[in-house]
Amino acid sequence: MAMAALDAIPERYALVICDAQPDLLNSLPQGSRDELLQYIHELLEGARRQKWLVIFTGLRFKSGYAGVPRRHRVFGGLQRMNAAQGDERVHWFMEGFQGAEIVRDLAPQEGETVLWRQRMR
């Protein structure tokens, strides 16, 4: 591609916010969590004002941790505990529970992309 053609392509910026979910953020001390959310909120508001592409991504599992291998090194324990105790007691990052949603203070606006990671290997 010629340099003139490259110059004609407008620059685009994006803000990608990863794992801003209560199930993860609640593991932080309250003060640290509040400070982190304030920083992210400021970045998000600036990106929206400048019309940047905003993408949210997070981890989300189906009921019963379906598809998570029982021997998965990180999430297998949750799958096994859930099998014994059920969704109402073991639902970390599980769809249908508030802890798996994007925190309310950063809620995606219409037209903003949300990508959920669900696949385990």
Foldseek 3Di string as FASTA:
>chain_A
DDPVVVVPDDDAAEDEAEAQFQLPLVVDPPVVSVVVVVVVLVVLVVCVVVVHAYEYEYEEAEFLNPQADCVQPPCNVLSVVCVVPNCVVRPRRYPPDRRVARDPSNDDDPPHYYYYDRHDD
